[in-house]
Amino acid sequence: VEAVVNLYNVTRTALQRGILCLSTQTDGEVRIAKVLKEKFPLASSLKVVDISGGCGAMYEVHIESSEFKGKRTVQQHQLVNQALKDEIQGMHGLRIFTEVPKH
């Protein structure tokens, strides 16, 4: 019990001092999501995942937006690529999954 109390106190202190972060997103995921939210403000769903183990070399993007309506998949992907043109420079790969809302 004493060990658990000590662990709790150390964790609480680290959180208060900003030493420990419980965010589940990497900086790259946050940055890419921010760009996509700005470029696709009507997106009803957005998910960015670093699939390179956290090093930022490869990402997977899932985005659902009415802005894709009437566009072929390749055109939807081109829009995402264009939105992320600056970020793509530092990547080894990018998987894109786009969808138009069904309702």
N, C-alpha and C. Protein backbone atom coordinates (compact mmCIF):
# COMPACT_ATOMS: atom_id res chain seq x y z
N VAL A 1 0.83 -1.19 0.00
CA VAL A 1 0.00 0.00 0.00
C VAL A 1 0.88 1.25 0.00
N GLU A 2 1.95 1.22 0.76
CA GLU A 2 2.85 2.37 0.83
C GLU A 2 3.48 2.66 -0.53
N ALA A 3 3.83 1.61 -1.26
CA ALA A 3 4.42 1.80 -2.59
C ALA A 3 3.43 2.44 -3.54
N VAL A 4 2.17 2.06 -3.45
CA VAL A 4 1.14 2.65 -4.31
C VAL A 4 0.95 4.12 -3.98
N VAL A 5 0.95 4.47 -2.71
CA VAL A 5 0.81 5.86 -2.28
C VAL A 5 2.01 6.67 -2.79
N ASN A 6 3.20 6.12 -2.68
CA ASN A 6 4.39 6.82 -3.16
C ASN A 6 4.33 7.04 -4.68
N LEU A 7 3.93 6.01 -5.42
CA LEU A 7 3.79 6.13 -6.87
C LEU A 7 2.76 7.19 -7.22
N TYR A 8 1.65 7.22 -6.52
CA TYR A 8 0.62 8.22 -6.74
C TYR A 8 1.18 9.62 -6.51
N ASN A 9 1.90 9.82 -5.42
CA ASN A 9 2.46 11.13 -5.09
C ASN A 9 3.49 11.58 -6.12
N VAL A 10 4.34 10.67 -6.56
CA VAL A 10 5.36 11.00 -7.57
C VAL A 10 4.68 11.37 -8.89
N THR A 11 3.68 10.59 -9.29
CA THR A 11 2.96 10.86 -10.53
C THR A 11 2.22 12.20 -10.47
N ARG A 12 1.54 12.45 -9.35
CA ARG A 12 0.81 13.71 -9.18
C ARG A 12 1.77 14.90 -9.26
N THR A 13 2.91 14.81 -8.61
CA THR A 13 3.90 15.89 -8.62
C THR A 13 4.44 16.11 -10.03
N ALA A 14 4.72 15.02 -10.75
CA ALA A 14 5.23 15.13 -12.12
C ALA A 14 4.21 15.79 -13.03
N LEU A 15 2.94 15.43 -12.88
CA LEU A 15 1.89 16.05 -13.69
C LEU A 15 1.77 17.54 -13.38
N GLN A 16 1.83 17.89 -12.10
CA GLN A 16 1.71 19.29 -11.69
C GLN A 16 2.85 20.13 -12.24
N ARG A 17 4.02 19.55 -12.32
CA ARG A 17 5.20 20.29 -12.80
C ARG A 17 5.34 20.23 -14.32
N GLY A 18 4.47 19.50 -14.97
CA GLY A 18 4.54 19.41 -16.42
C GLY A 18 5.62 18.48 -16.91
N ILE A 19 6.14 17.64 -16.04
CA ILE A 19 7.20 16.72 -16.41
C ILE A 19 6.62 15.48 -17.09
N LEU A 20 5.44 15.09 -16.68
CA LEU A 20 4.79 13.90 -17.20
C LEU A 20 3.58 14.31 -18.01
N CYS A 21 3.46 13.76 -19.18
CA CYS A 21 2.33 14.07 -20.05
C CYS A 21 1.56 12.80 -20.34
N LEU A 22 0.27 12.82 -20.16
CA LEU A 22 -0.56 11.64 -20.40
C LEU A 22 -1.25 11.68 -21.76
N SER A 23 -0.83 12.59 -22.63
CA SER A 23 -1.42 12.67 -23.96
C SER A 23 -1.09 11.39 -24.73
N THR A 24 -2.07 10.90 -25.46
CA THR A 24 -1.85 9.69 -26.24
C THR A 24 -1.46 10.01 -27.67
N GLN A 25 -1.45 11.27 -28.04
CA GLN A 25 -1.09 11.67 -29.39
C GLN A 25 0.34 12.18 -29.43
N THR A 26 1.04 11.87 -30.52
CA THR A 26 2.39 12.41 -30.71
C THR A 26 2.26 13.84 -31.22
N ASP A 27 3.36 14.58 -31.15
CA ASP A 27 3.36 15.95 -31.66
C ASP A 27 3.01 15.98 -33.14
N GLY A 28 3.52 15.02 -33.89
CA GLY A 28 3.23 14.95 -35.32
C GLY A 28 1.75 14.71 -35.60
N GLU A 29 1.15 13.82 -34.83
CA GLU A 29 -0.29 13.56 -34.99
C GLU A 29 -1.10 14.81 -34.72
N VAL A 30 -0.74 15.52 -33.68
CA VAL A 30 -1.45 16.75 -33.31
C VAL A 30 -1.28 17.80 -34.41
N ARG A 31 -0.06 17.95 -34.90
CA ARG A 31 0.24 18.95 -35.94
C ARG A 31 -0.54 18.65 -37.23
N ILE A 32 -0.52 17.38 -37.66
CA ILE A 32 -1.22 17.00 -38.89
C ILE A 32 -2.73 17.15 -38.73
N ALA A 33 -3.26 16.75 -37.59
CA ALA A 33 -4.70 16.91 -37.34
C ALA A 33 -5.10 18.38 -37.38
N LYS A 34 -4.26 19.24 -36.84
CA LYS A 34 -4.55 20.69 -36.84
C LYS A 34 -4.63 21.22 -38.27
N VAL A 35 -3.67 20.83 -39.10
CA VAL A 35 -3.67 21.28 -40.49
C VAL A 35 -4.92 20.78 -41.21
N LEU A 36 -5.27 19.52 -41.00
CA LEU A 36 -6.43 18.96 -41.68
C LEU A 36 -7.73 19.58 -41.19
N LYS A 37 -7.82 19.90 -39.92
CA LYS A 37 -9.02 20.57 -39.39
C LYS A 37 -9.18 21.94 -40.01
N GLU A 38 -8.06 22.63 -40.25
CA GLU A 38 -8.12 23.95 -40.88
C GLU A 38 -8.51 23.84 -42.35
N LYS A 39 -7.98 22.84 -43.04
CA LYS A 39 -8.23 22.69 -44.48
C LYS A 39 -9.59 22.05 -44.78
N PHE A 40 -10.09 21.25 -43.84
CA PHE A 40 -11.38 20.57 -44.01
C PHE A 40 -12.27 20.86 -42.81
N PRO A 41 -12.75 22.10 -42.71
CA PRO A 41 -13.55 22.49 -41.55
C PRO A 41 -14.88 21.74 -41.43
N LEU A 42 -15.35 21.13 -42.51
CA LEU A 42 -16.61 20.39 -42.48
C LEU A 42 -16.41 18.91 -42.15
N ALA A 43 -15.18 18.52 -41.85
CA ALA A 43 -14.90 17.11 -41.54
C ALA A 43 -15.72 16.66 -40.33
N SER A 44 -16.45 15.56 -40.51
CA SER A 44 -17.26 15.03 -39.42
C SER A 44 -16.48 14.00 -38.61
N SER A 45 -15.37 13.53 -39.17
CA SER A 45 -14.54 12.57 -38.47
C SER A 45 -13.10 12.73 -38.96
N LEU A 46 -12.15 12.70 -38.02
CA LEU A 46 -10.74 12.84 -38.37
C LEU A 46 -9.91 12.05 -37.38
N LYS A 47 -9.02 11.22 -37.92
CA LYS A 47 -8.12 10.44 -37.08
C LYS A 47 -6.76 10.40 -37.75
N VAL A 48 -5.72 10.74 -36.99
CA VAL A 48 -4.35 10.70 -37.49
C VAL A 48 -3.57 9.78 -36.56
N VAL A 49 -2.87 8.81 -37.16
CA VAL A 49 -2.12 7.84 -36.37
C VAL A 49 -0.70 7.73 -36.91
N ASP A 50 0.28 7.88 -36.01
CA ASP A 50 1.68 7.66 -36.36
C ASP A 50 1.88 6.15 -36.38
N ILE A 51 2.07 5.58 -37.56
CA ILE A 51 2.22 4.13 -37.67
C ILE A 51 3.69 3.72 -37.80
N SER A 52 4.58 4.63 -37.45
CA SER A 52 6.01 4.34 -37.52
C SER A 52 6.60 4.09 -36.14
N GLY A 53 5.75 3.85 -35.17
CA GLY A 53 6.25 3.59 -33.83
C GLY A 53 6.57 4.85 -33.05
N GLY A 54 6.06 5.99 -33.53
CA GLY A 54 6.25 7.24 -32.80
C GLY A 54 7.36 8.13 -33.33
N CYS A 55 8.08 7.68 -34.35
CA CYS A 55 9.19 8.51 -34.85
C CYS A 55 8.76 9.54 -35.89
N GLY A 56 7.51 9.45 -36.37
CA GLY A 56 7.00 10.46 -37.29
C GLY A 56 7.34 10.22 -38.75
N ALA A 57 7.78 9.02 -39.09
CA ALA A 57 8.16 8.74 -40.48
C ALA A 57 6.98 8.36 -41.36
N MET A 58 5.93 7.79 -40.74
CA MET A 58 4.78 7.34 -41.53
C MET A 58 3.50 7.52 -40.74
N TYR A 59 2.48 8.04 -41.42
CA TYR A 59 1.20 8.32 -40.78
C TYR A 59 0.06 7.68 -41.56
N GLU A 60 -1.04 7.47 -40.85
CA GLU A 60 -2.27 7.02 -41.44
C GLU A 60 -3.33 8.07 -41.10
N VAL A 61 -4.05 8.52 -42.11
CA VAL A 61 -5.06 9.55 -41.94
C VAL A 61 -6.42 9.00 -42.36
N HIS A 62 -7.39 9.12 -41.49
CA HIS A 62 -8.77 8.77 -41.79
C HIS A 62 -9.58 10.05 -41.67
N ILE A 63 -10.23 10.45 -42.76
CA ILE A 63 -11.00 11.69 -42.72
C ILE A 63 -12.32 11.51 -43.47
N GLU A 64 -13.38 11.93 -42.82
CA GLU A 64 -14.71 11.89 -43.41
C GLU A 64 -15.20 13.33 -43.52
N SER A 65 -15.54 13.75 -44.74
CA SER A 65 -15.97 15.12 -44.92
C SER A 65 -16.93 15.25 -46.11
N SER A 66 -17.92 16.09 -45.93
CA SER A 66 -18.85 16.36 -47.04
C SER A 66 -18.14 17.12 -48.16
N GLU A 67 -16.97 17.66 -47.87
CA GLU A 67 -16.18 18.36 -48.90
C GLU A 67 -15.68 17.40 -49.99
N PHE A 68 -15.76 16.10 -49.73
CA PHE A 68 -15.34 15.10 -50.70
C PHE A 68 -16.49 14.66 -51.62
N LYS A 69 -17.69 15.12 -51.33
CA LYS A 69 -18.87 14.70 -52.09
C LYS A 69 -18.69 15.04 -53.58
N GLY A 70 -18.99 14.06 -54.43
CA GLY A 70 -18.90 14.26 -55.87
C GLY A 70 -17.50 14.10 -56.43
N LYS A 71 -16.53 13.82 -55.57
CA LYS A 71 -15.15 13.65 -56.03
C LYS A 71 -14.77 12.17 -55.97
N ARG A 72 -14.00 11.74 -56.96
CA ARG A 72 -13.50 10.37 -56.94
C ARG A 72 -12.46 10.22 -55.83
N THR A 73 -12.20 9.00 -55.45
CA THR A 73 -11.26 8.74 -54.37
C THR A 73 -9.90 9.38 -54.64
N VAL A 74 -9.42 9.26 -55.85
CA VAL A 74 -8.10 9.83 -56.18
C VAL A 74 -8.11 11.36 -55.98
N GLN A 75 -9.22 12.00 -56.32
CA GLN A 75 -9.33 13.45 -56.12
C GLN A 75 -9.38 13.80 -54.64
N GLN A 76 -10.07 12.98 -53.85
CA GLN A 76 -10.12 13.19 -52.41
C GLN A 76 -8.72 13.10 -51.82
N HIS A 77 -7.97 12.09 -52.25
CA HIS A 77 -6.61 11.89 -51.74
C HIS A 77 -5.68 13.03 -52.18
N GLN A 78 -5.89 13.53 -53.38
CA GLN A 78 -5.10 14.66 -53.85
C GLN A 78 -5.34 15.89 -52.99
N LEU A 79 -6.58 16.10 -52.56
CA LEU A 79 -6.89 17.23 -51.68
C LEU A 79 -6.15 17.10 -50.34
N VAL A 80 -6.13 15.88 -49.80
CA VAL A 80 -5.43 15.64 -48.52
C VAL A 80 -3.93 15.84 -48.72
N ASN A 81 -3.39 15.28 -49.80
CA ASN A 81 -1.96 15.46 -50.08
C ASN A 81 -1.59 16.93 -50.21
N GLN A 82 -2.43 17.69 -50.90
CA GLN A 82 -2.17 19.12 -51.07
C GLN A 82 -2.21 19.85 -49.73
N ALA A 83 -3.16 19.48 -48.89
CA ALA A 83 -3.28 20.11 -47.57
C ALA A 83 -2.05 19.83 -46.72
N LEU A 84 -1.45 18.66 -46.91
CA LEU A 84 -0.30 18.25 -46.08
C LEU A 84 1.03 18.36 -46.81
N LYS A 85 1.08 19.15 -47.89
CA LYS A 85 2.29 19.20 -48.71
C LYS A 85 3.55 19.55 -47.91
N ASP A 86 3.47 20.43 -46.95
CA ASP A 86 4.65 20.80 -46.15
C ASP A 86 5.04 19.68 -45.19
N GLU A 87 4.05 19.05 -44.58
CA GLU A 87 4.32 17.98 -43.62
C GLU A 87 4.87 16.73 -44.31
N ILE A 88 4.41 16.47 -45.53
CA ILE A 88 4.82 15.28 -46.27
C ILE A 88 6.32 15.28 -46.55
N GLN A 89 6.91 16.45 -46.65
CA GLN A 89 8.34 16.54 -46.95
C GLN A 89 9.20 15.73 -45.98
N GLY A 90 8.78 15.65 -44.72
CA GLY A 90 9.57 14.94 -43.72
C GLY A 90 9.11 13.51 -43.46
N MET A 91 8.18 13.02 -44.27
CA MET A 91 7.64 11.66 -44.06
C MET A 91 8.24 10.67 -45.05
N HIS A 92 8.18 9.41 -44.67
CA HIS A 92 8.55 8.32 -45.59
C HIS A 92 7.31 7.76 -46.26
N GLY A 93 6.15 7.95 -45.62
CA GLY A 93 4.93 7.42 -46.20
C GLY A 93 3.69 7.99 -45.53
N LEU A 94 2.59 7.94 -46.28
CA LEU A 94 1.31 8.44 -45.79
C LEU A 94 0.20 7.58 -46.36
N ARG A 95 -0.59 6.99 -45.49
CA ARG A 95 -1.77 6.22 -45.91
C ARG A 95 -2.99 7.13 -45.71
N ILE A 96 -3.80 7.22 -46.74
CA ILE A 96 -4.96 8.10 -46.68
C ILE A 96 -6.23 7.29 -46.90
N PHE A 97 -7.19 7.49 -45.99
CA PHE A 97 -8.50 6.88 -46.11
C PHE A 97 -9.53 8.01 -46.02
N THR A 98 -10.28 8.22 -47.11
CA THR A 98 -11.28 9.29 -47.13
C THR A 98 -12.66 8.69 -47.29
N GLU A 99 -13.64 9.45 -46.82
CA GLU A 99 -15.03 9.01 -46.90
C GLU A 99 -15.95 10.21 -46.96
N VAL A 100 -17.07 10.04 -47.60
CA VAL A 100 -18.13 11.04 -47.62
C VAL A 100 -19.16 10.57 -46.59
N PRO A 101 -19.64 11.48 -45.72
CA PRO A 101 -20.66 11.07 -44.75
C PRO A 101 -21.87 10.46 -45.45
N LYS A 102 -22.44 9.45 -44.85
CA LYS A 102 -23.56 8.72 -45.48
C LYS A 102 -24.90 9.39 -45.29
N HIS A 103 -25.01 10.35 -44.39
CA HIS A 103 -26.29 11.01 -44.14
C HIS A 103 -26.36 12.39 -44.71
